[in-house]
Amino acid sequence: MPAKTIPLPSATIGPQSWHDDAVRSIRRAERLVRKVGVADSGSKRPRSCIASAGCASRRGDPGRKAEGNFVKEDDGANKNEINDKIIPLSAAATRPRSALLPFYSAVSPPFLRERCLDAGTGVAVGYMRCVRSVELLLRRQAGKVWLECVKLERERGHLEDMLKTLRKNLMVNRRSVEDRTLRPALTETGRDGADGLLDYEKRELTALKSQLEGTLRNALEQLQALKQCSKMLLECSNERLRVLHLLPRTGSHSAQGCCSPDRVQLETSPVGPYTPECEQAMASSCMALSQSQSLRVQIRQMIREAAARQKAAHQSVNEGLVKKIKETVSLKQHLTVSSAATRNAISGKHRQLEGVEHSHGRALGPVSCRDLQSRERLDRPVVQLYQRHPGNQLSEAMHIVQGTAQLRQHLSSLGGELGRLNGAHMQLMENLQGKEAAAHVDAAVVRLRRRETDRH
């Protein structure tokens, strides 16, 4: 309980000055007690203090100075006064500061050092636990960054597989163009729709390849950035780990002074658990994570679009080649029919030519005049008697000469027609062979493309 003022006796014994000096000493002591804040009677006092005070009171030697932890307090007005006040050294000699008044007022003076040690240890342990929370937060962020590295590495593998497929398709396109040059040079070397489709496929694959290569470079740069962020996070975590050697790695986070990683106060302080380096590492890692996630989404979209465009170009080329093969086969069938008709016409012309040659030979007659028959001679008796009158001339010789000339002219025309038929037949056969070879080449190209590309 707090100290109370003792009422003074009303009787006066001795000189008045002696009484006044005693009263002043008592008042002054009360003021000092209230000023220095001496602990009330409910607080614990060390036995040494009680014993010393009891000894001093029993000795009845108020002029004796206290030894050890006690000093003599004097007001300087009367140095021979017998009412000296005995106060502790911890309260009189070391006056507490304003910031520590609550602490010192709640602590008994003899236990100040122990309480200070306990408070310092509590601050250190609380700092360690908050540092452990920050270290756990950094390691969790490093784990997220590493997991994002694994995901991005997987997407990079898919991207490289797609690039490998594009390069293989470009090689197939080049081989297709080279194989189509093996068609017959005289009839099948002209550019057609299949060549245009192959050129379109090459442009499409080249554009896709350049886009995916740029995205692959971005993915590699992002992987390097993620690895750098992970390295920074681990370095900060290892640096935070330097003060956790005396703290157990396992324990309850609900203990006093512990800071959970989810509830940690991210207040940046150069001397606190969460340093500016940790904040910079966390910010850069969060930015790298967001960029990596957007890049993974972009890579997946680009792979899907590239696969669709590649498949569309490949199917268009295959369909064009198949259509070209069908046209070639149809033309080959028509050429076969035309060649057969031409060969039939050639055979007919041969028969006609033989008949005309035979008629021409018969019209010319025998080689020797001795082989002429009597009825064929122009000097037979009937002709001689008919020609006795002037103006009577038979037209046999003239008709024979005109007929022979016509037969000769007909023979020459038949020879020209036969030659033209033979030329047309040869051209048809050559075209037929070219169409057949072109159909085989295009079919081989289609088989090559299906064998090398469709399985992917």
Protein backbone atom coordinates (compact mmCIF):
# COMPACT_ATOMS: atom_id res chain seq x y z
CA MET A 1 0.00 0.00 0.00
CA PRO A 2 1.24 3.59 -0.60
CA ALA A 3 3.14 5.50 2.08
CA LYS A 4 1.04 7.69 4.40
CA THR A 5 1.99 10.82 6.29
CA ILE A 6 2.29 10.27 10.05
CA PRO A 7 0.45 12.94 12.06
CA LEU A 8 2.76 15.03 14.22
CA PRO A 9 2.24 15.14 17.99
CA SER A 10 0.70 18.27 19.42
CA ALA A 11 2.89 18.36 22.52
CA THR A 12 6.09 20.37 22.24
CA ILE A 13 9.13 19.12 24.09
CA GLY A 14 12.43 20.82 23.71
CA PRO A 15 13.37 23.96 21.76
CA GLN A 16 11.16 25.08 18.89
CA SER A 17 14.08 25.15 16.44
CA TRP A 18 14.81 21.51 17.17
CA HIS A 19 11.16 20.64 16.44
CA ASP A 20 11.06 22.74 13.24
CA ASP A 21 14.21 21.13 11.88
CA ALA A 22 12.78 17.65 12.44
CA VAL A 23 9.49 18.60 10.72
CA ARG A 24 11.34 20.03 7.74
CA SER A 25 13.39 16.86 7.44
CA ILE A 26 10.24 14.73 7.50
CA ARG A 27 8.49 16.84 4.86
CA ARG A 28 11.52 16.81 2.69
CA ALA A 29 11.81 13.01 2.95
CA GLU A 30 8.13 12.61 1.98
CA ARG A 31 8.61 14.80 -1.05
CA LEU A 32 11.63 12.78 -2.09
CA VAL A 33 9.72 9.52 -1.62
CA ARG A 34 6.88 10.72 -3.80
CA LYS A 35 9.29 12.13 -6.37
CA VAL A 36 11.51 9.09 -6.83
CA GLY A 37 8.54 6.69 -6.84
CA VAL A 38 9.53 4.21 -4.15
CA ALA A 39 7.72 0.88 -4.51
CA ASP A 40 4.67 0.42 -2.37
CA SER A 41 4.39 -2.07 0.44
CA GLY A 42 2.82 -4.65 -1.91
CA SER A 43 6.00 -4.95 -3.98
CA LYS A 44 8.64 -7.39 -3.06
CA ARG A 45 11.81 -6.09 -1.40
CA PRO A 46 15.04 -7.97 -1.10
CA ARG A 47 15.91 -9.30 2.26
CA SER A 48 19.24 -7.52 2.20
CA CYS A 49 17.52 -4.15 1.97
CA ILE A 50 15.09 -4.99 4.75
CA ALA A 51 17.84 -6.33 6.91
CA SER A 52 20.05 -3.32 6.33
CA ALA A 53 17.22 -0.94 7.02
CA GLY A 54 16.27 -2.88 10.17
CA CYS A 55 19.83 -2.92 11.38
CA ALA A 56 20.18 0.77 10.77
CA SER A 57 16.93 1.50 12.63
CA ARG A 58 17.84 -0.79 15.49
CA ARG A 59 21.26 0.71 15.79
CA GLY A 60 19.59 4.08 16.17
CA ASP A 61 22.55 5.67 14.46
CA PRO A 62 20.97 8.04 12.01
CA GLY A 63 24.28 9.68 11.34
CA ARG A 64 25.87 6.43 10.07
CA LYS A 65 26.27 6.29 6.31
CA ALA A 66 24.86 3.29 4.49
CA GLU A 67 27.24 0.83 2.96
CA GLY A 68 26.88 -1.29 -0.14
CA ASN A 69 23.78 -0.33 -2.10
CA PHE A 70 22.78 2.66 0.13
CA VAL A 71 23.93 6.29 0.20
CA LYS A 72 23.29 9.24 2.44
CA GLU A 73 20.98 11.98 1.17
CA ASP A 74 21.60 15.54 2.52
CA ASP A 75 19.93 18.81 1.61
CA GLY A 76 22.99 20.93 2.36
CA ALA A 77 21.08 23.26 4.78
CA ASN A 78 22.21 21.58 7.97
CA LYS A 79 25.05 19.11 7.61
CA ASN A 80 24.81 18.05 11.27
CA GLU A 81 21.17 17.00 11.10
CA ILE A 82 20.46 13.64 12.64
CA ASN A 83 17.49 12.77 10.33
CA ASP A 84 19.37 11.47 7.27
CA LYS A 85 17.39 9.60 4.63
CA ILE A 86 18.65 6.17 3.45
CA ILE A 87 17.56 5.39 -0.23
CA PRO A 88 18.60 2.69 -2.70
CA LEU A 89 21.47 3.41 -5.10
CA SER A 90 19.56 2.10 -8.06
CA ALA A 91 16.84 4.73 -7.56
CA ALA A 92 18.91 7.66 -6.32
CA ALA A 93 22.20 7.40 -8.15
CA THR A 94 20.80 6.27 -11.48
CA ARG A 95 17.74 8.31 -12.27
CA PRO A 96 15.61 6.58 -15.02
CA ARG A 97 14.96 8.26 -18.38
CA SER A 98 11.50 9.36 -19.52
CA ALA A 99 11.22 6.58 -22.13
CA LEU A 100 12.00 3.87 -19.56
CA LEU A 101 9.90 5.18 -16.66
CA PRO A 102 7.12 2.56 -17.03
CA PHE A 103 9.69 -0.23 -17.21
CA TYR A 104 11.68 0.95 -14.22
CA SER A 105 8.58 1.68 -12.17
CA ALA A 106 7.28 -1.87 -12.73
CA VAL A 107 10.57 -3.59 -11.92
CA SER A 108 12.03 -4.00 -8.48
CA PRO A 109 15.51 -2.46 -8.40
CA PRO A 110 17.45 -5.59 -7.41
CA PHE A 111 16.06 -7.54 -10.44
CA LEU A 112 16.71 -4.85 -13.06
CA ARG A 113 19.67 -6.60 -14.64
CA GLU A 114 17.81 -9.91 -14.88
CA ARG A 115 14.76 -8.19 -16.35
CA CYS A 116 16.92 -6.33 -18.87
CA LEU A 117 18.61 -9.59 -19.87
CA ASP A 118 15.25 -11.30 -20.26
CA ALA A 119 13.90 -8.40 -22.31
CA GLY A 120 16.97 -8.40 -24.57
CA THR A 121 16.70 -12.14 -25.04
CA GLY A 122 13.00 -11.79 -25.91
CA VAL A 123 13.75 -9.10 -28.48
CA ALA A 124 16.48 -11.25 -30.03
CA VAL A 125 14.27 -14.36 -30.12
CA GLY A 126 11.35 -12.38 -31.58
CA TYR A 127 13.67 -10.95 -34.23
CA MET A 128 14.94 -14.46 -35.00
CA ARG A 129 11.41 -15.75 -35.39
CA CYS A 130 10.42 -12.88 -37.66
CA VAL A 131 13.60 -13.47 -39.65
CA ARG A 132 12.66 -17.16 -39.85
CA SER A 133 9.25 -16.13 -41.22
CA VAL A 134 10.90 -13.87 -43.80
CA GLU A 135 13.36 -16.62 -44.67
CA LEU A 136 10.47 -19.06 -45.11
CA LEU A 137 8.66 -16.50 -47.26
CA LEU A 138 11.76 -16.07 -49.43
CA ARG A 139 12.22 -19.82 -49.79
CA ARG A 140 8.55 -20.27 -50.70
CA GLN A 141 8.93 -17.56 -53.33
CA ALA A 142 12.09 -19.27 -54.57
CA GLY A 143 10.13 -22.53 -54.79
CA LYS A 144 7.44 -20.78 -56.83
CA VAL A 145 10.10 -19.34 -59.11
CA TRP A 146 11.72 -22.75 -59.53
CA LEU A 147 8.35 -24.34 -60.28
CA GLU A 148 7.71 -21.63 -62.85
CA CYS A 149 11.15 -22.39 -64.31
CA VAL A 150 10.14 -26.05 -64.64
CA LYS A 151 6.85 -25.12 -66.34
CA LEU A 152 8.54 -22.66 -68.68
CA GLU A 153 11.23 -25.25 -69.45
CA ARG A 154 8.48 -27.71 -70.37
CA GLU A 155 6.87 -25.14 -72.67
CA ARG A 156 10.28 -24.41 -74.16
CA GLY A 157 10.62 -28.13 -74.92
CA HIS A 158 7.24 -28.09 -76.67
CA LEU A 159 8.35 -25.02 -78.60
CA GLU A 160 11.59 -26.70 -79.68
CA ASP A 161 9.63 -29.79 -80.75
CA MET A 162 7.38 -27.56 -82.84
CA LEU A 163 10.41 -25.87 -84.37
CA LYS A 164 11.89 -29.27 -85.14
CA THR A 165 8.65 -30.25 -86.87
CA LEU A 166 8.68 -27.01 -88.87
CA ARG A 167 12.27 -27.57 -89.96
CA LYS A 168 11.42 -31.11 -91.00
CA ASN A 169 8.41 -29.86 -92.96
CA LEU A 170 10.61 -27.29 -94.66
CA MET A 171 13.00 -30.09 -95.62
CA VAL A 172 10.06 -32.15 -96.94
CA ASN A 173 8.89 -29.12 -98.92
CA ARG A 174 12.33 -28.68 -100.43
CA ARG A 175 12.54 -32.36 -101.30
CA SER A 176 9.07 -32.21 -102.83
CA VAL A 177 10.11 -29.32 -105.06
CA GLU A 178 13.31 -31.13 -106.04
CA ASP A 179 11.47 -34.39 -106.75
CA ARG A 180 8.95 -32.63 -108.97
CA THR A 181 11.84 -31.47 -111.17
CA LEU A 182 12.31 -35.13 -112.15
CA ARG A 183 9.22 -34.95 -114.37
CA PRO A 184 9.83 -35.18 -118.15
CA ALA A 185 11.43 -32.00 -119.33
CA LEU A 186 9.52 -31.71 -122.62
CA THR A 187 5.94 -32.03 -121.43
CA GLU A 188 5.74 -31.63 -117.63
CA THR A 189 8.19 -28.88 -116.64
CA GLY A 190 5.66 -26.05 -116.73
CA ARG A 191 4.55 -24.51 -113.43
CA ASP A 192 1.12 -25.58 -112.23
CA GLY A 193 -1.10 -25.17 -109.19
CA ALA A 194 0.86 -27.69 -107.15
CA ASP A 195 4.02 -25.59 -107.54
CA GLY A 196 2.12 -22.53 -106.32
CA LEU A 197 0.86 -24.45 -103.29
CA LEU A 198 4.39 -25.63 -102.50
CA ASP A 199 5.63 -22.04 -102.65
CA TYR A 200 2.78 -20.94 -100.36
CA GLU A 201 3.64 -23.73 -97.90
CA LYS A 202 7.29 -22.67 -97.91
CA ARG A 203 6.41 -19.04 -97.15
CA GLU A 204 4.01 -20.10 -94.40
CA LEU A 205 6.51 -22.44 -92.75
CA THR A 206 9.31 -19.86 -92.98
CA ALA A 207 7.15 -17.20 -91.31
CA LEU A 208 6.10 -19.60 -88.55
CA LYS A 209 9.71 -20.65 -88.02
CA SER A 210 10.89 -17.05 -87.61
CA GLN A 211 8.05 -16.27 -85.15
CA LEU A 212 8.71 -19.35 -83.03
CA GLU A 213 12.45 -18.70 -83.01
CA GLY A 214 11.81 -15.19 -81.66
CA THR A 215 9.51 -16.62 -79.00
CA LEU A 216 12.16 -19.22 -78.14
CA ARG A 217 14.72 -16.46 -77.60
CA ASN A 218 12.26 -14.68 -75.30
CA ALA A 219 11.69 -17.93 -73.39
CA LEU A 220 15.44 -18.43 -72.92
CA GLU A 221 15.85 -14.85 -71.69
CA GLN A 222 12.91 -15.33 -69.30
CA LEU A 223 14.46 -18.54 -68.00
CA GLN A 224 17.68 -16.68 -67.30
CA ALA A 225 15.73 -13.95 -65.50
CA LEU A 226 13.87 -16.54 -63.39
CA LYS A 227 17.10 -18.29 -62.48
CA GLN A 228 18.63 -14.95 -61.53
CA CYS A 229 15.60 -14.17 -59.35
CA SER A 230 15.84 -17.59 -57.73
CA LYS A 231 19.52 -17.01 -57.06
CA MET A 232 18.79 -13.61 -55.48
CA LEU A 233 16.02 -15.08 -53.33
CA LEU A 234 18.25 -17.92 -52.13
CA GLU A 235 21.09 -15.51 -51.40
CA CYS A 236 18.75 -13.31 -49.35
CA SER A 237 17.37 -16.40 -47.63
CA ASN A 238 20.86 -17.67 -46.79
CA GLU A 239 21.78 -14.22 -45.50
CA ARG A 240 18.66 -14.20 -43.29
CA LEU A 241 19.59 -17.72 -42.18
CA ARG A 242 22.75 -16.46 -40.49
CA VAL A 243 20.84 -15.50 -37.29
CA LEU A 244 18.81 -18.73 -37.05
CA HIS A 245 21.49 -21.14 -35.84
CA LEU A 246 20.24 -20.99 -32.23
CA LEU A 247 16.56 -21.19 -33.18
CA PRO A 248 14.98 -24.62 -33.73
CA ARG A 249 13.83 -25.25 -37.27
CA THR A 250 10.54 -26.74 -36.05
CA GLY A 251 8.16 -25.36 -33.49
CA SER A 252 4.81 -23.72 -32.93
CA HIS A 253 4.27 -20.46 -34.74
CA SER A 254 1.73 -19.42 -32.14
CA ALA A 255 4.40 -18.76 -29.53
CA GLN A 256 4.98 -15.28 -28.22
CA GLY A 257 7.01 -13.11 -30.60
CA CYS A 258 6.58 -15.42 -33.58
CA CYS A 259 5.56 -14.00 -36.93
CA SER A 260 3.75 -16.27 -39.40
CA PRO A 261 4.92 -16.01 -43.05
CA ASP A 262 1.33 -15.28 -44.10
CA ARG A 263 0.92 -12.55 -41.46
CA VAL A 264 4.39 -11.07 -41.56
CA GLN A 265 4.48 -7.29 -41.70
CA LEU A 266 6.36 -6.39 -44.89
CA GLU A 267 7.84 -3.20 -43.52
CA THR A 268 11.12 -2.50 -45.21
CA SER A 269 13.94 -1.60 -42.87
CA PRO A 270 17.70 -1.81 -43.40
CA VAL A 271 18.11 -3.26 -39.89
CA GLY A 272 14.84 -5.20 -39.71
CA PRO A 273 13.89 -8.70 -40.75
CA TYR A 274 12.63 -7.50 -44.15
CA THR A 275 15.52 -5.62 -45.76
CA PRO A 276 15.40 -3.58 -49.02
CA GLU A 277 17.37 -6.38 -50.71
CA CYS A 278 14.63 -8.86 -49.77
CA GLU A 279 11.97 -6.46 -51.02
CA GLN A 280 13.82 -5.97 -54.31
CA ALA A 281 14.22 -9.74 -54.74
CA MET A 282 10.53 -10.31 -54.00
CA ALA A 283 9.42 -7.55 -56.40
CA SER A 284 11.67 -8.77 -59.22
CA SER A 285 10.55 -12.36 -58.68
CA CYS A 286 6.85 -11.39 -58.73
CA MET A 287 7.38 -9.44 -61.94
CA ALA A 288 9.33 -12.33 -63.47
CA LEU A 289 6.58 -14.77 -62.44
CA SER A 290 3.86 -12.68 -64.08
CA GLN A 291 5.93 -12.26 -67.25
CA SER A 292 6.69 -15.98 -67.34
CA GLN A 293 3.03 -16.91 -66.94
CA SER A 294 1.98 -14.58 -69.75
CA LEU A 295 4.83 -15.91 -71.89
CA ARG A 296 3.71 -19.51 -71.27
CA VAL A 297 0.17 -18.61 -72.34
CA GLN A 298 1.59 -16.91 -75.45
CA ILE A 299 3.75 -19.95 -76.25
CA ARG A 300 0.79 -22.32 -75.97
CA GLN A 301 -1.31 -20.10 -78.24
CA MET A 302 1.50 -19.78 -80.78
CA ILE A 303 2.07 -23.54 -80.80
CA ARG A 304 -1.64 -24.18 -81.40
CA GLU A 305 -1.79 -21.57 -84.17
CA ALA A 306 1.43 -22.85 -85.76
CA ALA A 307 0.18 -26.44 -85.69
CA ALA A 308 -3.13 -25.41 -87.26
CA ARG A 309 -1.51 -23.29 -89.98
CA GLN A 310 1.09 -25.94 -90.70
CA LYS A 311 -1.56 -28.64 -90.96
CA ALA A 312 -3.72 -26.47 -93.24
CA ALA A 313 -0.78 -25.72 -95.56
CA HIS A 314 0.25 -29.37 -95.61
CA GLN A 315 -3.26 -30.58 -96.38
CA SER A 316 -3.70 -27.98 -99.12
CA VAL A 317 -0.47 -29.10 -100.81
CA ASN A 318 -1.41 -32.77 -100.50
CA GLU A 319 -4.88 -32.12 -101.88
CA GLY A 320 -3.39 -30.10 -104.74
CA LEU A 321 -0.96 -32.89 -105.57
CA VAL A 322 -3.73 -35.51 -105.42
CA LYS A 323 -5.89 -33.36 -107.70
CA LYS A 324 -2.95 -32.97 -110.05
CA ILE A 325 -2.47 -36.75 -110.09
CA LYS A 326 -6.17 -37.24 -110.89
CA GLU A 327 -5.96 -34.76 -113.76
CA THR A 328 -2.83 -36.44 -115.05
CA VAL A 329 -4.43 -39.90 -114.90
CA SER A 330 -7.54 -38.59 -116.66
CA LEU A 331 -5.40 -37.00 -119.39
CA LYS A 332 -3.43 -40.20 -119.70
CA GLN A 333 -6.61 -42.16 -120.28
CA HIS A 334 -7.74 -39.69 -122.94
CA LEU A 335 -4.30 -39.86 -124.53
CA THR A 336 -4.51 -43.65 -124.60
CA VAL A 337 -7.87 -43.54 -126.37
CA SER A 338 -6.59 -40.90 -128.82
CA SER A 339 -3.45 -42.89 -129.53
CA ALA A 340 -5.55 -45.98 -130.24
CA ALA A 341 -7.78 -44.03 -132.63
CA THR A 342 -4.73 -42.56 -134.33
CA ARG A 343 -3.15 -45.96 -134.70
CA ASN A 344 -6.39 -47.28 -136.25
CA ALA A 345 -6.42 -44.34 -138.68
CA ILE A 346 -2.80 -45.03 -139.59
CA SER A 347 -3.67 -48.64 -140.36
CA GLY A 348 -6.57 -47.51 -142.59
CA LYS A 349 -4.36 -45.04 -144.41
CA HIS A 350 -1.79 -47.76 -144.94
CA ARG A 351 -4.44 -49.96 -146.57
CA GLN A 352 -5.71 -47.07 -148.66
CA LEU A 353 -2.21 -46.17 -149.72
CA GLU A 354 -1.52 -49.71 -150.75
CA GLY A 355 -4.75 -49.77 -152.80
CA VAL A 356 -3.93 -46.47 -154.53
CA GLU A 357 -0.38 -47.63 -155.27
CA HIS A 358 -1.78 -50.82 -156.74
CA SER A 359 -4.25 -48.79 -158.87
CA HIS A 360 -1.47 -46.45 -159.94
CA GLY A 361 0.63 -49.39 -161.00
CA ARG A 362 -2.27 -50.89 -162.92
CA ALA A 363 -2.95 -47.55 -164.56
CA LEU A 364 0.61 -47.26 -165.73
CA GLY A 365 0.33 -50.66 -167.36
CA PRO A 366 3.07 -53.15 -168.07
CA VAL A 367 6.70 -52.15 -168.17
CA SER A 368 7.28 -53.58 -171.65
CA CYS A 369 5.04 -53.00 -174.70
CA ARG A 370 5.25 -56.65 -175.47
CA ASP A 371 3.22 -57.30 -172.33
CA LEU A 372 0.30 -55.23 -173.58
CA GLN A 373 -2.82 -57.04 -174.47
CA SER A 374 -4.31 -56.70 -177.90
CA ARG A 375 -7.36 -54.84 -176.61
CA GLU A 376 -5.12 -52.31 -174.91
CA ARG A 377 -3.19 -51.31 -178.03
CA LEU A 378 -4.07 -48.05 -179.74
CA ASP A 379 -3.19 -49.49 -183.19
CA ARG A 380 -5.72 -52.26 -183.14
CA PRO A 381 -7.90 -52.52 -186.25
CA VAL A 382 -11.01 -50.92 -184.70
CA VAL A 383 -9.06 -47.83 -183.71
CA GLN A 384 -7.36 -47.59 -187.08
CA LEU A 385 -10.67 -47.80 -188.95
CA TYR A 386 -12.20 -45.14 -186.58
CA GLN A 387 -9.36 -42.78 -187.11
CA ARG A 388 -9.58 -42.83 -190.90
CA HIS A 389 -12.01 -39.95 -190.74
CA PRO A 390 -10.47 -36.70 -189.53
CA GLY A 391 -11.36 -35.50 -186.05
CA ASN A 392 -12.07 -38.89 -184.73
CA GLN A 393 -9.69 -39.43 -181.84
CA LEU A 394 -10.28 -41.82 -178.95
CA SER A 395 -9.79 -40.38 -175.39
CA GLU A 396 -8.37 -43.50 -173.83
CA ALA A 397 -4.83 -42.24 -173.71
CA MET A 398 -5.88 -38.87 -172.31
CA HIS A 399 -8.03 -40.50 -169.64
CA ILE A 400 -5.24 -42.87 -168.74
CA VAL A 401 -2.79 -39.95 -168.42
CA GLN A 402 -5.25 -37.87 -166.32
CA GLY A 403 -6.11 -40.82 -164.11
CA THR A 404 -2.48 -41.62 -163.59
CA ALA A 405 -1.78 -37.99 -162.58
CA GLN A 406 -4.70 -38.02 -160.16
CA LEU A 407 -3.54 -41.30 -158.67
CA ARG A 408 -0.07 -39.88 -158.27
CA GLN A 409 -1.46 -36.78 -156.58
CA HIS A 410 -3.62 -38.94 -154.36
CA LEU A 411 -0.60 -41.02 -153.43
CA SER A 412 1.32 -37.92 -152.37
CA SER A 413 -1.60 -36.64 -150.27
CA LEU A 414 -2.02 -40.03 -148.66
CA GLY A 415 1.68 -40.07 -147.82
CA GLY A 416 1.40 -36.64 -146.18
CA GLU A 417 -1.64 -37.66 -144.19
CA LEU A 418 0.07 -40.86 -143.13
CA GLY A 419 3.12 -38.90 -142.04
CA ARG A 420 0.97 -36.48 -140.05
CA LEU A 421 -0.87 -39.38 -138.42
CA ASN A 422 2.43 -41.00 -137.51
CA GLY A 423 3.67 -37.70 -136.02
CA ALA A 424 0.49 -37.24 -134.03
CA HIS A 425 0.69 -40.79 -132.79
CA MET A 426 4.28 -40.35 -131.75
CA GLN A 427 3.41 -37.10 -129.97
CA LEU A 428 0.50 -38.80 -128.23
CA MET A 429 2.71 -41.65 -127.10
CA GLU A 430 5.37 -39.25 -125.87
CA ASN A 431 2.77 -37.20 -123.98
CA LEU A 432 1.30 -40.37 -122.59
CA GLN A 433 4.67 -41.47 -121.30
CA GLY A 434 5.26 -37.99 -119.81
CA LYS A 435 1.90 -38.02 -118.07
CA GLU A 436 2.56 -41.45 -116.69
CA ALA A 437 5.99 -40.42 -115.40
CA ALA A 438 4.56 -37.20 -113.91
CA ALA A 439 1.82 -39.16 -112.18
CA HIS A 440 4.41 -41.51 -110.70
CA VAL A 441 6.55 -38.56 -109.52
CA ASP A 442 3.59 -36.75 -107.92
CA ALA A 443 2.42 -39.99 -106.27
CA ALA A 444 5.93 -40.50 -104.88
CA VAL A 445 5.93 -36.91 -103.54
CA VAL A 446 2.55 -37.46 -101.85
CA ARG A 447 3.78 -40.70 -100.29
CA LEU A 448 6.92 -38.92 -99.08
CA ARG A 449 4.93 -36.11 -97.49
CA ARG A 450 2.53 -38.48 -95.80
CA ARG A 451 5.33 -40.69 -94.56
CA GLU A 452 7.42 -37.85 -93.17
CA THR A 453 4.76 -35.42 -91.93
CA ASP A 454 1.39 -37.00 -91.26
CA ARG A 455 2.72 -39.13 -88.41
CA HIS A 456 3.51 -35.98 -86.46
